[in-house]
Amino acid sequence: NMSNFKYKKYDILDMWSNFKGVEVSA
């Protein structure tokens, strides 16, 4: 639902940068 990119200690944009690809369907 695109409401949160940070959760607890995690920054999802930083984590996504490690992967082969990321498909985000809003």
PDB file of all heavy atoms in Angstrom:
ATOM      1  N   ASN A   1       0.806  -1.217   0.000  1.00  0.00           N
ATOM      2  CA  ASN A   1       0.000   0.000   0.000  1.00  0.00           C
ATOM      3  C   ASN A   1       0.845   1.275   0.000  1.00  0.00           C
ATOM      4  O   ASN A   1       0.302   2.379   0.043  1.00  0.00           O
ATOM      5  CB  ASN A   1      -0.996   0.007   1.164  1.00  0.00           C
ATOM      6  CG  ASN A   1      -0.331  -0.079   2.537  1.00  0.00           C
ATOM      7  OD1 ASN A   1       0.748   0.457   2.767  1.00  0.00           O
ATOM      8  ND2 ASN A   1      -0.994  -0.761   3.469  1.00  0.00           N
ATOM      9  N   MET A   2       2.160   1.119  -0.021  1.00  0.00           N
ATOM     10  CA  MET A   2       3.095   2.241  -0.193  1.00  0.00           C
ATOM     11  C   MET A   2       3.096   3.213   0.991  1.00  0.00           C
ATOM     12  O   MET A   2       3.488   4.364   0.859  1.00  0.00           O
ATOM     13  CB  MET A   2       2.776   3.016  -1.482  1.00  0.00           C
ATOM     14  CG  MET A   2       2.885   2.213  -2.745  1.00  0.00           C
ATOM     15  SD  MET A   2       4.572   1.674  -3.085  1.00  0.00           S
ATOM     16  CE  MET A   2       5.389   3.231  -3.364  1.00  0.00           C
ATOM     17  N   SER A   3       2.716   2.749   2.163  1.00  0.00           N
ATOM     18  CA  SER A   3       2.616   3.661   3.302  1.00  0.00           C
ATOM     19  C   SER A   3       3.874   3.706   4.162  1.00  0.00           C
ATOM     20  O   SER A   3       4.111   4.698   4.858  1.00  0.00           O
ATOM     21  CB  SER A   3       1.422   3.270   4.183  1.00  0.00           C
ATOM     22  OG  SER A   3       1.594   1.962   4.721  1.00  0.00           O
ATOM     23  N   ASN A   4       4.700   2.632   4.126  1.00  0.00           N
ATOM     24  CA  ASN A   4       5.864   2.553   5.015  1.00  0.00           C
ATOM     25  C   ASN A   4       7.093   2.009   4.295  1.00  0.00           C
ATOM     26  O   ASN A   4       7.065   0.878   3.812  1.00  0.00           O
ATOM     27  CB  ASN A   4       5.565   1.621   6.195  1.00  0.00           C
ATOM     28  CG  ASN A   4       4.623   2.228   7.198  1.00  0.00           C
ATOM     29  OD1 ASN A   4       5.013   3.032   8.019  1.00  0.00           O
ATOM     30  ND2 ASN A   4       3.349   1.846   7.118  1.00  0.00           N
ATOM     31  N   PHE A   5       8.156   2.788   4.253  1.00  0.00           N
ATOM     32  CA  PHE A   5       9.427   2.302   3.724  1.00  0.00           C
ATOM     33  C   PHE A   5      10.447   2.066   4.837  1.00  0.00           C
ATOM     34  O   PHE A   5      11.542   1.563   4.580  1.00  0.00           O
ATOM     35  CB  PHE A   5      10.004   3.284   2.702  1.00  0.00           C
ATOM     36  CG  PHE A   5       9.334   3.206   1.346  1.00  0.00           C
ATOM     37  CD1 PHE A   5       9.614   4.139   0.377  1.00  0.00           C
ATOM     38  CD2 PHE A   5       8.433   2.203   1.053  1.00  0.00           C
ATOM     39  CE1 PHE A   5       9.013   4.071  -0.883  1.00  0.00           C
ATOM     40  CE2 PHE A   5       7.822   2.119  -0.189  1.00  0.00           C
ATOM     41  CZ  PHE A   5       8.115   3.061  -1.155  1.00  0.00           C
ATOM     42  N   LYS A   6      10.084   2.450   6.056  1.00  0.00           N
ATOM     43  CA  LYS A   6      10.939   2.189   7.207  1.00  0.00           C
ATOM     44  C   LYS A   6      10.113   1.508   8.284  1.00  0.00           C
ATOM     45  O   LYS A   6       9.000   1.936   8.595  1.00  0.00           O
ATOM     46  CB  LYS A   6      11.555   3.485   7.729  1.00  0.00           C
ATOM     47  CG  LYS A   6      12.562   4.094   6.759  1.00  0.00           C
ATOM     48  CD  LYS A   6      13.259   5.313   7.340  1.00  0.00           C
ATOM     49  CE  LYS A   6      14.289   5.860   6.348  1.00  0.00           C
ATOM     50  NZ  LYS A   6      14.996   7.050   6.888  1.00  0.00           N
ATOM     51  N   TYR A   7      10.671   0.424   8.848  1.00  0.00           N
ATOM     52  CA  TYR A   7       9.957  -0.369   9.847  1.00  0.00           C
ATOM     53  C   TYR A   7      10.955  -0.870  10.879  1.00  0.00           C
ATOM     54  O   TYR A   7      11.938  -1.538  10.524  1.00  0.00           O
ATOM     55  CB  TYR A   7       9.254  -1.545   9.165  1.00  0.00           C
ATOM     56  CG  TYR A   7       8.583  -2.513  10.115  1.00  0.00           C
ATOM     57  CD1 TYR A   7       7.418  -2.167  10.783  1.00  0.00           C
ATOM     58  CD2 TYR A   7       9.115  -3.783  10.323  1.00  0.00           C
ATOM     59  CE1 TYR A   7       6.793  -3.052  11.645  1.00  0.00           C
ATOM     60  CE2 TYR A   7       8.499  -4.686  11.191  1.00  0.00           C
ATOM     61  CZ  TYR A   7       7.343  -4.312  11.848  1.00  0.00           C
ATOM     62  OH  TYR A   7       6.726  -5.190  12.716  1.00  0.00           O
ATOM     63  N   LYS A   8      10.741  -0.493  12.139  1.00  0.00           N
ATOM     64  CA  LYS A   8      11.664  -0.857  13.218  1.00  0.00           C
ATOM     65  C   LYS A   8      13.082  -0.440  12.819  1.00  0.00           C
ATOM     66  O   LYS A   8      13.313   0.718  12.505  1.00  0.00           O
ATOM     67  CB  LYS A   8      11.535  -2.337  13.551  1.00  0.00           C
ATOM     68  CG  LYS A   8      10.154  -2.710  14.106  1.00  0.00           C
ATOM     69  CD  LYS A   8      10.067  -4.163  14.516  1.00  0.00           C
ATOM     70  CE  LYS A   8       8.693  -4.482  15.114  1.00  0.00           C
ATOM     71  NZ  LYS A   8       8.568  -5.895  15.523  1.00  0.00           N
ATOM     72  N   LYS A   9      14.014  -1.381  12.783  1.00  0.00           N
ATOM     73  CA  LYS A   9      15.408  -1.027  12.446  1.00  0.00           C
ATOM     74  C   LYS A   9      15.675  -1.065  10.944  1.00  0.00           C
ATOM     75  O   LYS A   9      16.798  -0.786  10.502  1.00  0.00           O
ATOM     76  CB  LYS A   9      16.372  -1.980  13.145  1.00  0.00           C
ATOM     77  CG  LYS A   9      16.280  -3.421  12.641  1.00  0.00           C
ATOM     78  CD  LYS A   9      17.308  -4.315  13.327  1.00  0.00           C
ATOM     79  CE  LYS A   9      17.248  -5.752  12.791  1.00  0.00           C
ATOM     80  NZ  LYS A   9      18.268  -6.629  13.403  1.00  0.00           N
ATOM     81  N   TYR A  10      14.668  -1.395  10.151  1.00  0.00           N
ATOM     82  CA  TYR A  10      14.899  -1.678   8.741  1.00  0.00           C
ATOM     83  C   TYR A  10      14.561  -0.489   7.835  1.00  0.00           C
ATOM     84  O   TYR A  10      13.553   0.183   8.012  1.00  0.00           O
ATOM     85  CB  TYR A  10      14.037  -2.873   8.303  1.00  0.00           C
ATOM     86  CG  TYR A  10      14.270  -4.121   9.113  1.00  0.00           C
ATOM     87  CD1 TYR A  10      13.322  -4.550  10.050  1.00  0.00           C
ATOM     88  CD2 TYR A  10      15.426  -4.877   8.955  1.00  0.00           C
ATOM     89  CE1 TYR A  10      13.532  -5.699  10.800  1.00  0.00           C
ATOM     90  CE2 TYR A  10      15.649  -6.027   9.701  1.00  0.00           C
ATOM     91  CZ  TYR A  10      14.694  -6.431  10.619  1.00  0.00           C
ATOM     92  OH  TYR A  10      14.896  -7.563  11.367  1.00  0.00           O
ATOM     93  N   ASP A  11      15.416  -0.290   6.852  1.00  0.00           N
ATOM     94  CA  ASP A  11      15.145   0.635   5.755  1.00  0.00           C
ATOM     95  C   ASP A  11      15.032  -0.220   4.503  1.00  0.00           C
ATOM     96  O   ASP A  11      16.027  -0.757   4.005  1.00  0.00           O
ATOM     97  CB  ASP A  11      16.278   1.662   5.621  1.00  0.00           C
ATOM     98  CG  ASP A  11      15.989   2.718   4.566  1.00  0.00           C
ATOM     99  OD1 ASP A  11      15.457   2.368   3.501  1.00  0.00           O
ATOM    100  OD2 ASP A  11      16.299   3.900   4.811  1.00  0.00           O
ATOM    101  N   ILE A  12      13.816  -0.358   3.999  1.00  0.00           N
ATOM    102  CA  ILE A  12      13.583  -1.332   2.931  1.00  0.00           C
ATOM    103  C   ILE A  12      14.309  -0.958   1.645  1.00  0.00           C
ATOM    104  O   ILE A  12      14.759  -1.843   0.902  1.00  0.00           O
ATOM    105  CB  ILE A  12      12.062  -1.520   2.680  1.00  0.00           C
ATOM    106  CG1 ILE A  12      11.819  -2.749   1.802  1.00  0.00           C
ATOM    107  CG2 ILE A  12      11.447  -0.278   2.067  1.00  0.00           C
ATOM    108  CD1 ILE A  12      12.310  -4.045   2.383  1.00  0.00           C
ATOM    109  N   LEU A  13      14.477   0.319   1.366  1.00  0.00           N
ATOM    110  CA  LEU A  13      15.186   0.710   0.146  1.00  0.00           C
ATOM    111  C   LEU A  13      16.636   0.246   0.193  1.00  0.00           C
ATOM    112  O   LEU A  13      17.194  -0.195  -0.822  1.00  0.00           O
ATOM    113  CB  LEU A  13      15.102   2.221  -0.061  1.00  0.00           C
ATOM    114  CG  LEU A  13      13.709   2.786  -0.353  1.00  0.00           C
ATOM    115  CD1 LEU A  13      13.773   4.294  -0.507  1.00  0.00           C
ATOM    116  CD2 LEU A  13      13.110   2.152  -1.591  1.00  0.00           C
ATOM    117  N   ASP A  14      17.269   0.334   1.360  1.00  0.00           N
ATOM    118  CA  ASP A  14      18.641  -0.155   1.512  1.00  0.00           C
ATOM    119  C   ASP A  14      18.697  -1.668   1.307  1.00  0.00           C
ATOM    120  O   ASP A  14      19.610  -2.186   0.647  1.00  0.00           O
ATOM    121  CB  ASP A  14      19.184   0.195   2.897  1.00  0.00           C
ATOM    122  CG  ASP A  14      19.520   1.672   3.045  1.00  0.00           C
ATOM    123  OD1 ASP A  14      19.606   2.358   2.011  1.00  0.00           O
ATOM    124  OD2 ASP A  14      19.681   2.127   4.189  1.00  0.00           O
ATOM    125  N   MET A  15      17.727  -2.399   1.859  1.00  0.00           N
ATOM    126  CA  MET A  15      17.723  -3.855   1.733  1.00  0.00           C
ATOM    127  C   MET A  15      17.480  -4.269   0.286  1.00  0.00           C
ATOM    128  O   MET A  15      18.138  -5.187  -0.229  1.00  0.00           O
ATOM    129  CB  MET A  15      16.658  -4.460   2.649  1.00  0.00           C
ATOM    130  CG  MET A  15      16.885  -4.189   4.129  1.00  0.00           C
ATOM    131  SD  MET A  15      15.705  -5.026   5.213  1.00  0.00           S
ATOM    132  CE  MET A  15      16.440  -6.676   5.290  1.00  0.00           C
ATOM    133  N   TRP A  16      16.577  -3.601  -0.391  1.00  0.00           N
ATOM    134  CA  TRP A  16      16.262  -3.949  -1.778  1.00  0.00           C
ATOM    135  C   TRP A  16      17.472  -3.817  -2.696  1.00  0.00           C
ATOM    136  O   TRP A  16      17.586  -4.534  -3.691  1.00  0.00           O
ATOM    137  CB  TRP A  16      15.134  -3.055  -2.291  1.00  0.00           C
ATOM    138  CG  TRP A  16      13.770  -3.451  -1.798  1.00  0.00           C
ATOM    139  CD1 TRP A  16      13.413  -4.636  -1.211  1.00  0.00           C
ATOM    140  CD2 TRP A  16      12.581  -2.658  -1.853  1.00  0.00           C
ATOM    141  NE1 TRP A  16      12.069  -4.626  -0.892  1.00  0.00           N
ATOM    142  CE2 TRP A  16      11.539  -3.429  -1.275  1.00  0.00           C
ATOM    143  CE3 TRP A  16      12.291  -1.380  -2.330  1.00  0.00           C
ATOM    144  CZ2 TRP A  16      10.227  -2.949  -1.180  1.00  0.00           C
ATOM    145  CZ3 TRP A  16      10.990  -0.906  -2.230  1.00  0.00           C
ATOM    146  CH2 TRP A  16       9.970  -1.686  -1.668  1.00  0.00           C
ATOM    147  N   SER A  17      18.373  -2.913  -2.377  1.00  0.00           N
ATOM    148  CA  SER A  17      19.522  -2.661  -3.261  1.00  0.00           C
ATOM    149  C   SER A  17      20.437  -3.873  -3.380  1.00  0.00           C
ATOM    150  O   SER A  17      21.300  -3.917  -4.270  1.00  0.00           O
ATOM    151  CB  SER A  17      20.313  -1.451  -2.757  1.00  0.00           C
ATOM    152  OG  SER A  17      20.925  -1.727  -1.497  1.00  0.00           O
ATOM    153  N   ASN A  18      20.274  -4.876  -2.507  1.00  0.00           N
ATOM    154  CA  ASN A  18      21.124  -6.072  -2.540  1.00  0.00           C
ATOM    155  C   ASN A  18      20.629  -7.141  -3.507  1.00  0.00           C
ATOM    156  O   ASN A  18      21.362  -8.099  -3.781  1.00  0.00           O
ATOM    157  CB  ASN A  18      21.197  -6.689  -1.133  1.00  0.00           C
ATOM    158  CG  ASN A  18      21.907  -5.801  -0.129  1.00  0.00           C
ATOM    159  OD1 ASN A  18      23.133  -5.729  -0.109  1.00  0.00           O
ATOM    160  ND2 ASN A  18      21.138  -5.102   0.693  1.00  0.00           N
ATOM    161  N   PHE A  19      19.419  -7.002  -4.032  1.00  0.00           N
ATOM    162  CA  PHE A  19      18.787  -8.097  -4.763  1.00  0.00           C
ATOM    163  C   PHE A  19      18.933  -7.971  -6.279  1.00  0.00           C
ATOM    164  O   PHE A  19      19.191  -6.881  -6.816  1.00  0.00           O
ATOM    165  CB  PHE A  19      17.318  -8.186  -4.369  1.00  0.00           C
ATOM    166  CG  PHE A  19      17.123  -8.775  -2.997  1.00  0.00           C
ATOM    167  CD1 PHE A  19      17.266  -7.992  -1.863  1.00  0.00           C
ATOM    168  CD2 PHE A  19      16.853 -10.129  -2.843  1.00  0.00           C
ATOM    169  CE1 PHE A  19      17.120  -8.539  -0.590  1.00  0.00           C
ATOM    170  CE2 PHE A  19      16.705 -10.685  -1.580  1.00  0.00           C
ATOM    171  CZ  PHE A  19      16.837  -9.895  -0.456  1.00  0.00           C
ATOM    172  N   LYS A  20      18.764  -9.116  -6.938  1.00  0.00           N
ATOM    173  CA  LYS A  20      18.837  -9.162  -8.395  1.00  0.00           C
ATOM    174  C   LYS A  20      17.863  -8.183  -9.019  1.00  0.00           C
ATOM    175  O   LYS A  20      18.169  -7.506 -10.005  1.00  0.00           O
ATOM    176  CB  LYS A  20      18.536 -10.587  -8.879  1.00  0.00           C
ATOM    177  CG  LYS A  20      18.512 -10.750 -10.389  1.00  0.00           C
ATOM    178  CD  LYS A  20      18.146 -12.184 -10.763  1.00  0.00           C
ATOM    179  CE  LYS A  20      18.058 -12.346 -12.277  1.00  0.00           C
ATOM    180  NZ  LYS A  20      17.683 -13.754 -12.650  1.00  0.00           N
ATOM    181  N   GLY A  21      16.671  -8.128  -8.473  1.00  0.00           N
ATOM    182  CA  GLY A  21      15.644  -7.221  -8.971  1.00  0.00           C
ATOM    183  C   GLY A  21      14.538  -7.086  -7.949  1.00  0.00           C
ATOM    184  O   GLY A  21      14.363  -7.944  -7.085  1.00  0.00           O
ATOM    185  N   VAL A  22      13.797  -6.004  -8.056  1.00  0.00           N
ATOM    186  CA  VAL A  22      12.674  -5.769  -7.161  1.00  0.00           C
ATOM    187  C   VAL A  22      11.506  -5.240  -7.991  1.00  0.00           C
ATOM    188  O   VAL A  22      11.653  -4.248  -8.716  1.00  0.00           O
ATOM    189  CB  VAL A  22      13.018  -4.745  -6.053  1.00  0.00           C
ATOM    190  CG1 VAL A  22      11.828  -4.563  -5.111  1.00  0.00           C
ATOM    191  CG2 VAL A  22      14.251  -5.179  -5.276  1.00  0.00           C
ATOM    192  N   GLU A  23      10.375  -5.933  -7.912  1.00  0.00           N
ATOM    193  CA  GLU A  23       9.157  -5.493  -8.583  1.00  0.00           C
ATOM    194  C   GLU A  23       8.189  -4.992  -7.515  1.00  0.00           C
ATOM    195  O   GLU A  23       7.722  -5.768  -6.684  1.00  0.00           O
ATOM    196  CB  GLU A  23       8.523  -6.647  -9.364  1.00  0.00           C
ATOM    197  CG  GLU A  23       9.427  -7.249 -10.430  1.00  0.00           C
ATOM    198  CD  GLU A  23       8.838  -8.513 -11.053  1.00  0.00           C
ATOM    199  OE1 GLU A  23       7.670  -8.839 -10.731  1.00  0.00           O
ATOM    200  OE2 GLU A  23       9.527  -9.164 -11.844  1.00  0.00           O
ATOM    201  N   VAL A  24       7.922  -3.707  -7.524  1.00  0.00           N
ATOM    202  CA  VAL A  24       7.025  -3.116  -6.537  1.00  0.00           C
ATOM    203  C   VAL A  24       5.722  -2.745  -7.226  1.00  0.00           C
ATOM    204  O   VAL A  24       5.681  -1.845  -8.075  1.00  0.00           O
ATOM    205  CB  VAL A  24       7.647  -1.870  -5.877  1.00  0.00           C
ATOM    206  CG1 VAL A  24       6.663  -1.259  -4.872  1.00  0.00           C
ATOM    207  CG2 VAL A  24       8.949  -2.233  -5.188  1.00  0.00           C
ATOM    208  N   SER A  25       4.675  -3.458  -6.867  1.00  0.00           N
ATOM    209  CA  SER A  25       3.352  -3.175  -7.418  1.00  0.00           C
ATOM    210  C   SER A  25       2.564  -2.398  -6.369  1.00  0.00           C
ATOM    211  O   SER A  25       2.182  -2.939  -5.332  1.00  0.00           O
ATOM    212  CB  SER A  25       2.629  -4.479  -7.773  1.00  0.00           C
ATOM    213  OG  SER A  25       1.402  -4.209  -8.423  1.00  0.00           O
ATOM    214  N   ALA A  26       2.372  -1.125  -6.635  1.00  0.00           N
ATOM    215  CA  ALA A  26       1.662  -0.250  -5.698  1.00  0.00           C
ATOM    216  C   ALA A  26       0.162  -0.468  -5.833  1.00  0.00           C
ATOM    217  O   ALA A  26      -0.388  -0.371  -6.929  1.00  0.00           O
ATOM    218  CB  ALA A  26       2.015   1.206  -5.988  1.00  0.00           C
TER     219      ALA A  26
END
